[in-house]
Amino acid sequence: MGVVVASVLSSSRASVAAGSSGGAPVMGRLPRRLSESEMALFTSVGQRLELAPGRAVFRRGEYGRSMFVIASGRVLLEFAGDLPDKLIGPDEYFGELAMFVGNHARSGSALASEPCVVYVIEPDVFDALMRHDPLQMAQFMLRSFTYLVASEQQLIANYKRRNEDLMQTLDSLRQTRDQLQLARRQVCTDDLTNLCNRRGLYQFLENVSEVRDRNRQFGLLLVDIDHFKLINDQNGHLIGDEVLRAIASEIQEAAGATDLPCRLGGDEFALLTQVADQRELTERALRITEGVRQLRFPNSAPELTVSVSVGGGLCSDDGEWSVWYSEADCALYHVKGSGGDGAHVMS
C-alpha cells in the first residue's frame, strides 16, 4: 500500500501545483465538495464499492471508522432529530467524523438514492496519506473540521430555538391552566361575596372524603338574614349587597381551615364545618349570630342593624346532603318561628 500511495501522491502533487497557487484551498467550494486533486487522490487509494438504489452504506447507530467518497450517483444522508436530511452527489464525501474521532456510532444513515459508485477510505489509508502529503491532507481536514463545527453550531442553534419554542409552549400551557383554574373558581364562586356557591358546594361534597378528619364529624349550619327584603326596600340594593358581603365575612371568620362557607342564593348561607361535638357546632352558630349583631355601616346606613337566624345539626356519616339540609332547615325554621336573631342546633 505504501508504494501505491507514494505513486499516487507524486501525481497528486503535480495536479495541485498546476491547479492552484501553493496548494491553497479553493474558496467558494461547496462544503463537502472535493477538489480535483483531492478526488483523484482518494479514488486512487480507496476501495471501490458499487451500490444499487436503496442499499445502505451504513445505518444510524452502527459503529465504524471509514470515510466515503462519491464518484457517481447520489447518496441520501438521513439524520434523526432537528438535522435535515441531505442529498449529496459526485465529488462529495461523508462519514468523515468516524475517521477523525475513532470508532464512532454513526449519527445518521447513508442510503444510495440511485446507482452509485463510492470509494471507501479506511483509517490506515488515511493515515498513510497524512504522512506522505500532510499539506493537502491538512487543508482537507481544516475544511472538514470547519464544516463539522458549523454543523454543530447550527444544531446547537436549532436546539436553542427548539428549547425556546418549548418554553413558550410551556408558558402558554401554564397560562391556559391558570385561566382554566380561574374559570373553574369563578364558576364555583359567588361573584358578590366571594364565597363558594351552590355549584362549588356540590363539587366539595363529591370530594368530601379527601378533607374529612376521622376524629371529628361534619356539622351543617344554615344562615338566613332576618327581614332582608325590608332592608333592601328601605335602604336600596346597594346597601343590601353591602350587608350580604359583611355577613359573608362573619361566616368566613367562623369557618375553620377545612370548612366550607358558601352562599346558597339570595339571603341564605351555609357553613359545612368539622366539629368535635354538638356543643362546638352550637358555639360556631352563636359566634356567627353575635358577630352579625355587632355589624355597623357608618358610611352608608348609620342607623342600620342586622341579625340572622342560624339552624344546624350534626351530619350523619351515612346521610346525604339532602338529609343534612332538611335537618338543619328544621332547626332554622324553629329559630324563625321564635322571631329570629338566634341559633338552634338539633340534638
Protein backbone atom coordinates (compact mmCIF):
# COMPACT_ATOMS: atom_id res chain seq x y z
CA MET A 1 0.00 0.00 0.00
CA GLY A 2 2.87 2.39 0.76
CA VAL A 3 4.19 2.11 -2.83
CA VAL A 4 0.72 2.75 -4.26
CA VAL A 5 0.14 5.76 -2.00
CA ALA A 6 3.56 7.21 -2.80
CA SER A 7 2.97 6.81 -6.53
CA VAL A 8 -0.44 8.42 -6.37
CA LEU A 9 0.85 11.28 -4.25
CA SER A 10 3.53 12.14 -6.80
CA SER A 11 0.90 12.74 -9.48
CA SER A 12 -1.41 14.41 -6.92
CA ARG A 13 1.25 16.97 -6.02
CA ALA A 14 1.73 17.75 -9.67
CA SER A 15 -2.00 18.32 -10.07
CA VAL A 16 -2.10 20.60 -7.05
CA ALA A 17 0.87 22.61 -8.30
CA ALA A 18 -0.72 23.03 -11.70
CA GLY A 19 -4.23 23.79 -10.46
CA SER A 20 -3.69 26.20 -7.57
CA SER A 21 -1.24 28.65 -6.08
CA GLY A 22 0.80 26.97 -3.39
CA GLY A 23 -1.90 24.31 -2.87
CA ALA A 24 -4.30 26.77 -1.18
CA PRO A 25 -7.90 25.58 -0.89
CA VAL A 26 -10.30 26.99 -3.43
CA MET A 27 -12.74 29.40 -1.75
CA GLY A 28 -16.43 29.21 -2.58
CA ARG A 29 -16.37 25.43 -3.00
CA LEU A 30 -19.37 23.56 -1.59
CA PRO A 31 -18.60 22.41 1.98
CA ARG A 32 -18.46 18.72 1.03
CA ARG A 33 -17.11 19.17 -2.49
CA LEU A 34 -13.62 17.78 -3.09
CA SER A 35 -11.12 19.44 -5.40
CA GLU A 36 -9.98 17.57 -8.50
CA SER A 37 -6.70 16.69 -6.84
CA GLU A 38 -8.42 15.52 -3.63
CA MET A 39 -10.88 13.44 -5.64
CA ALA A 40 -8.08 11.89 -7.67
CA LEU A 41 -6.15 11.15 -4.50
CA PHE A 42 -8.99 9.46 -2.62
CA THR A 43 -10.35 7.45 -5.55
CA SER A 44 -6.85 6.18 -6.36
CA VAL A 45 -6.28 4.67 -2.93
CA GLY A 46 -9.86 3.89 -1.80
CA GLN A 47 -11.78 0.66 -2.17
CA ARG A 48 -14.37 0.89 -4.97
CA LEU A 49 -17.91 0.00 -3.95
CA GLU A 50 -20.89 -0.20 -6.31
CA LEU A 51 -24.32 0.38 -4.75
CA ALA A 52 -27.80 -0.38 -6.03
CA PRO A 53 -30.61 2.08 -5.25
CA GLY A 54 -31.78 1.76 -1.65
CA ARG A 55 -28.69 -0.05 -0.44
CA ALA A 56 -27.34 1.21 2.86
CA VAL A 57 -23.70 2.24 3.18
CA PHE A 58 -24.25 2.36 6.94
CA ARG A 59 -27.14 2.92 9.31
CA ARG A 60 -27.58 5.22 12.27
CA GLY A 61 -26.08 3.78 15.46
CA GLU A 62 -23.65 1.47 13.67
CA TYR A 63 -20.01 1.80 14.67
CA GLY A 64 -17.39 2.45 12.02
CA ARG A 65 -14.13 4.23 11.16
CA SER A 66 -14.34 4.58 7.38
CA MET A 67 -14.92 7.67 5.27
CA PHE A 68 -16.65 7.55 1.89
CA VAL A 69 -16.18 9.48 -1.36
CA ILE A 70 -18.85 9.54 -4.09
CA ALA A 71 -17.59 9.02 -7.63
CA SER A 72 -21.01 8.83 -9.31
CA GLY A 73 -24.67 8.78 -8.32
CA ARG A 74 -26.20 10.32 -5.23
CA VAL A 75 -26.42 9.29 -1.57
CA LEU A 76 -29.12 10.30 0.89
CA LEU A 77 -27.95 11.11 4.41
CA GLU A 78 -30.82 10.62 6.85
CA PHE A 79 -30.49 12.21 10.30
CA ALA A 80 -32.63 11.99 13.40
CA GLY A 81 -33.80 14.95 15.46
CA ASP A 82 -33.51 18.52 14.19
CA LEU A 83 -30.94 17.93 11.43
CA PRO A 84 -32.47 17.91 7.93
CA ASP A 85 -31.73 15.05 5.55
CA LYS A 86 -29.14 15.75 2.84
CA LEU A 87 -28.76 14.50 -0.71
CA ILE A 88 -25.14 14.60 -1.86
CA GLY A 89 -23.57 13.65 -5.17
CA PRO A 90 -20.33 13.19 -7.13
CA ASP A 91 -17.09 14.60 -5.70
CA GLU A 92 -18.63 14.85 -2.24
CA TYR A 93 -17.73 12.85 0.85
CA PHE A 94 -19.41 11.66 4.05
CA GLY A 95 -18.71 9.67 7.21
CA GLU A 96 -15.56 11.69 7.97
CA LEU A 97 -16.42 12.17 11.65
CA ALA A 98 -15.79 8.49 12.30
CA MET A 99 -12.36 8.88 10.72
CA PHE A 100 -11.47 11.81 12.95
CA VAL A 101 -12.78 10.58 16.33
CA GLY A 102 -12.19 6.84 16.06
CA ASN A 103 -14.72 4.05 16.48
CA HIS A 104 -17.83 6.19 16.33
CA ALA A 105 -21.56 5.46 16.35
CA ARG A 106 -22.97 6.88 13.13
CA SER A 107 -25.28 9.84 13.73
CA GLY A 108 -27.32 9.08 10.63
CA SER A 109 -27.92 6.57 7.85
CA ALA A 110 -26.43 6.70 4.34
CA LEU A 111 -28.53 5.18 1.53
CA ALA A 112 -27.94 5.08 -2.21
CA SER A 113 -30.76 7.02 -3.87
CA GLU A 114 -29.72 5.80 -7.33
CA PRO A 115 -26.96 3.56 -8.74
CA CYS A 116 -23.77 4.77 -7.09
CA VAL A 117 -20.05 4.24 -7.07
CA VAL A 118 -18.35 5.21 -3.81
CA TYR A 119 -14.83 4.76 -2.56
CA VAL A 120 -14.19 3.56 0.98
CA ILE A 121 -11.27 5.25 2.74
CA GLU A 122 -10.07 3.08 5.61
CA PRO A 123 -8.18 4.55 8.60
CA ASP A 124 -4.81 3.05 7.64
CA VAL A 125 -5.05 4.53 4.14
CA PHE A 126 -5.98 7.93 5.58
CA ASP A 127 -3.02 7.78 7.97
CA ALA A 128 -0.68 6.96 5.08
CA LEU A 129 -1.99 9.95 3.14
CA MET A 130 -1.35 12.15 6.17
CA ARG A 131 2.27 11.05 6.33
CA HIS A 132 3.01 11.39 2.61
CA ASP A 133 1.16 14.63 1.85
CA PRO A 134 0.49 16.44 5.13
CA LEU A 135 -0.16 19.82 3.47
CA GLN A 136 -3.01 18.71 1.24
CA MET A 137 -4.49 16.47 3.93
CA ALA A 138 -4.24 19.30 6.48
CA GLN A 139 -6.17 21.56 4.11
CA PHE A 140 -8.79 18.87 3.64
CA MET A 141 -9.10 18.29 7.39
CA LEU A 142 -9.29 22.03 8.11
CA ARG A 143 -12.18 22.39 5.68
CA SER A 144 -13.86 19.30 7.11
CA PHE A 145 -13.45 20.47 10.70
CA THR A 146 -14.82 23.90 9.78
CA TYR A 147 -17.86 22.24 8.24
CA LEU A 148 -18.35 19.97 11.27
CA VAL A 149 -18.06 22.89 13.69
CA ALA A 150 -20.55 24.91 11.64
CA SER A 151 -22.92 21.93 11.63
CA GLU A 152 -22.62 21.57 15.40
CA GLN A 153 -23.23 25.29 15.87
CA GLN A 154 -26.31 25.07 13.66
CA LEU A 155 -27.52 22.06 15.65
CA ILE A 156 -26.99 23.94 18.92
CA ALA A 157 -28.86 26.93 17.49
CA ASN A 158 -31.69 24.63 16.40
CA TYR A 159 -31.84 23.08 19.86
CA LYS A 160 -31.81 26.55 21.41
CA ARG A 161 -34.69 27.64 19.20
CA ARG A 162 -36.48 24.39 19.93
CA ASN A 163 -35.91 24.91 23.65
CA GLU A 164 -37.22 28.48 23.38
CA ASP A 165 -40.26 27.21 21.47
CA LEU A 166 -40.75 24.55 24.14
CA MET A 167 -40.52 27.15 26.90
CA GLN A 168 -43.05 29.33 25.10
CA THR A 169 -45.33 26.33 24.71
CA LEU A 170 -44.98 25.50 28.41
CA ASP A 171 -45.71 29.13 29.31
CA SER A 172 -48.80 29.01 27.11
CA LEU A 173 -49.89 25.76 28.75
CA ARG A 174 -49.36 27.26 32.22
CA GLN A 175 -51.36 30.34 31.24
CA THR A 176 -54.11 28.13 29.84
CA ARG A 177 -54.07 26.03 33.01
CA ASP A 178 -54.25 29.16 35.16
CA GLN A 179 -57.09 30.52 33.06
CA LEU A 180 -58.96 27.23 33.35
CA GLN A 181 -58.42 27.16 37.10
CA LEU A 182 -59.58 30.77 37.33
CA ALA A 183 -62.64 30.00 35.23
CA ARG A 184 -63.34 26.97 37.39
CA ARG A 185 -63.06 29.06 40.55
CA GLN A 186 -65.31 31.71 39.04
CA VAL A 187 -67.91 29.10 38.12
CA CYS A 188 -67.83 27.78 41.70
CA THR A 189 -67.64 31.19 43.41
CA ASP A 190 -70.35 33.70 44.24
CA ASP A 191 -69.49 36.97 42.50
CA LEU A 192 -70.82 39.24 45.23
CA THR A 193 -69.41 37.64 48.38
CA ASN A 194 -66.51 35.55 47.00
CA LEU A 195 -67.83 32.61 48.99
CA CYS A 196 -68.37 29.25 47.40
CA ASN A 197 -71.69 29.00 45.54
CA ARG A 198 -74.08 26.05 45.33
CA ARG A 199 -72.16 24.53 42.41
CA GLY A 200 -68.94 24.74 44.40
CA LEU A 201 -70.68 23.15 47.38
CA TYR A 202 -71.76 20.15 45.32
CA GLN A 203 -68.25 19.80 43.95
CA PHE A 204 -66.89 19.89 47.51
CA LEU A 205 -69.35 17.19 48.56
CA GLU A 206 -68.10 14.93 45.76
CA ASN A 207 -64.59 15.03 47.25
CA VAL A 208 -65.53 15.42 50.91
CA SER A 209 -63.66 12.25 51.90
CA GLU A 210 -60.36 13.94 50.98
CA VAL A 211 -60.75 16.58 53.70
CA ARG A 212 -62.63 14.57 56.31
CA ASP A 213 -60.96 14.42 59.73
CA ARG A 214 -61.66 10.97 61.16
CA ASN A 215 -61.54 12.34 64.70
CA ARG A 216 -64.27 14.89 64.01
CA GLN A 217 -67.63 14.95 62.31
CA PHE A 218 -69.36 17.24 59.90
CA GLY A 219 -71.95 19.72 61.03
CA LEU A 220 -74.12 21.95 58.88
CA LEU A 221 -75.26 25.47 59.75
CA LEU A 222 -77.83 27.30 57.63
CA VAL A 223 -77.80 31.09 57.98
CA ASP A 224 -80.71 33.28 56.90
CA ILE A 225 -80.76 37.09 57.12
CA ASP A 226 -83.71 38.38 59.11
CA HIS A 227 -86.04 40.78 57.25
CA PHE A 228 -83.66 41.10 54.32
CA LYS A 229 -86.40 42.20 51.90
CA LEU A 230 -87.24 45.06 54.23
CA ILE A 231 -83.55 46.07 54.38
CA ASN A 232 -83.48 46.22 50.59
CA ASP A 233 -86.76 48.11 50.35
CA GLN A 234 -85.79 50.76 52.93
CA ASN A 235 -82.10 51.21 52.06
CA GLY A 236 -81.71 50.12 48.45
CA HIS A 237 -80.00 47.20 46.82
CA LEU A 238 -76.51 48.67 47.14
CA ILE A 239 -76.86 48.64 50.93
CA GLY A 240 -78.37 45.18 50.66
CA ASP A 241 -75.28 43.99 48.79
CA GLU A 242 -73.07 45.55 51.45
CA VAL A 243 -74.99 43.66 54.13
CA LEU A 244 -74.58 40.39 52.22
CA ARG A 245 -70.82 40.91 51.95
CA ALA A 246 -70.48 41.80 55.63
CA ILE A 247 -72.42 38.72 56.78
CA ALA A 248 -70.42 36.53 54.39
CA SER A 249 -67.27 37.84 56.08
CA GLU A 250 -68.62 36.89 59.52
CA ILE A 251 -69.39 33.35 58.32
CA GLN A 252 -65.92 33.14 56.80
CA GLU A 253 -64.41 34.19 60.13
CA ALA A 254 -66.27 31.40 61.91
CA ALA A 255 -65.01 28.75 59.47
CA GLY A 256 -62.01 26.53 60.07
CA ALA A 257 -59.30 25.68 57.55
CA THR A 258 -61.13 22.61 56.23
CA ASP A 259 -64.64 24.10 56.46
CA LEU A 260 -66.72 25.34 53.56
CA PRO A 261 -68.66 28.60 53.92
CA CYS A 262 -70.96 29.22 50.98
CA ARG A 263 -73.81 31.33 49.69
CA LEU A 264 -76.69 29.14 48.59
CA GLY A 265 -78.55 32.03 46.97
CA GLY A 266 -80.40 35.21 47.90
CA ASP A 267 -80.02 35.80 51.63
CA GLU A 268 -79.30 32.16 52.50
CA PHE A 269 -75.84 30.98 53.52
CA ALA A 270 -74.42 27.70 54.77
CA LEU A 271 -71.36 26.58 56.70
CA LEU A 272 -70.29 22.96 56.38
CA THR A 273 -67.88 22.55 59.24
CA GLN A 274 -65.98 19.81 61.09
CA VAL A 275 -66.51 19.80 64.84
CA ALA A 276 -65.88 17.56 67.82
CA ASP A 277 -69.48 17.54 69.04
CA GLN A 278 -72.82 19.36 69.17
CA ARG A 279 -71.52 21.90 71.67
CA GLU A 280 -68.77 23.07 69.33
CA LEU A 281 -71.28 23.35 66.48
CA THR A 282 -73.53 25.47 68.72
CA GLU A 283 -70.56 27.71 69.58
CA ARG A 284 -69.93 28.25 65.87
CA ALA A 285 -73.58 29.21 65.37
CA LEU A 286 -73.55 31.66 68.29
CA ARG A 287 -70.31 33.20 67.06
CA ILE A 288 -71.99 33.98 63.75
CA THR A 289 -75.14 35.47 65.31
CA GLU A 290 -73.14 37.60 67.74
CA GLY A 291 -70.75 38.79 65.03
CA VAL A 292 -73.64 39.87 62.82
CA ARG A 293 -75.29 41.78 65.69
CA GLN A 294 -72.11 43.86 66.01
CA LEU A 295 -72.09 44.87 62.34
CA ARG A 296 -72.44 48.58 61.63
CA PHE A 297 -72.49 50.56 58.39
CA PRO A 298 -71.50 54.10 59.44
CA ASN A 299 -70.78 55.48 55.97
CA SER A 300 -73.77 54.12 54.10
CA ALA A 301 -76.51 53.36 56.66
CA PRO A 302 -75.57 54.58 60.16
CA GLU A 303 -78.87 53.54 61.75
CA LEU A 304 -78.99 50.07 60.24
CA THR A 305 -78.66 46.97 62.41
CA VAL A 306 -78.97 43.44 61.10
CA SER A 307 -79.46 39.99 62.53
CA VAL A 308 -79.51 36.41 61.30
CA SER A 309 -81.24 33.17 62.14
CA VAL A 310 -79.00 30.09 62.29
CA GLY A 311 -80.16 26.50 62.33
CA GLY A 312 -77.97 23.42 62.24
CA GLY A 313 -77.27 19.87 63.13
CA LEU A 314 -74.60 17.18 63.06
CA CYS A 315 -74.33 15.29 59.77
CA SER A 316 -74.80 11.54 59.92
CA ASP A 317 -71.98 9.60 58.24
CA ASP A 318 -74.40 7.56 56.17
CA GLY A 319 -76.59 10.53 55.20
CA GLU A 320 -76.61 12.69 52.09
CA TRP A 321 -76.71 16.43 51.56
CA SER A 322 -80.50 16.43 51.21
CA VAL A 323 -80.84 14.75 54.63
CA TRP A 324 -78.34 17.11 56.26
CA TYR A 325 -80.04 20.14 54.71
CA SER A 326 -83.51 19.01 55.77
CA GLU A 327 -82.48 18.59 59.41
CA ALA A 328 -80.66 21.94 59.52
CA ASP A 329 -83.62 23.62 57.82
CA CYS A 330 -85.96 22.32 60.53
CA ALA A 331 -83.71 23.95 63.15
CA LEU A 332 -83.66 27.17 61.13
CA TYR A 333 -87.46 27.16 60.90
CA HIS A 334 -87.58 26.82 64.67
CA VAL A 335 -85.48 29.99 65.09
CA LYS A 336 -87.51 31.90 62.51
CA GLY A 337 -90.71 30.89 64.27
CA SER A 338 -89.34 32.33 67.51
CA GLY A 339 -88.70 35.76 65.98
CA GLY A 340 -85.23 35.22 64.51
CA ASP A 341 -81.94 36.70 65.73
CA GLY A 342 -80.80 33.46 67.30
CA ALA A 343 -79.40 29.98 66.77
CA HIS A 344 -80.66 26.47 67.30
CA VAL A 345 -78.77 23.21 66.77
CA MET A 346 -80.73 19.97 66.54
CA SER A 347 -79.71 17.34 69.08
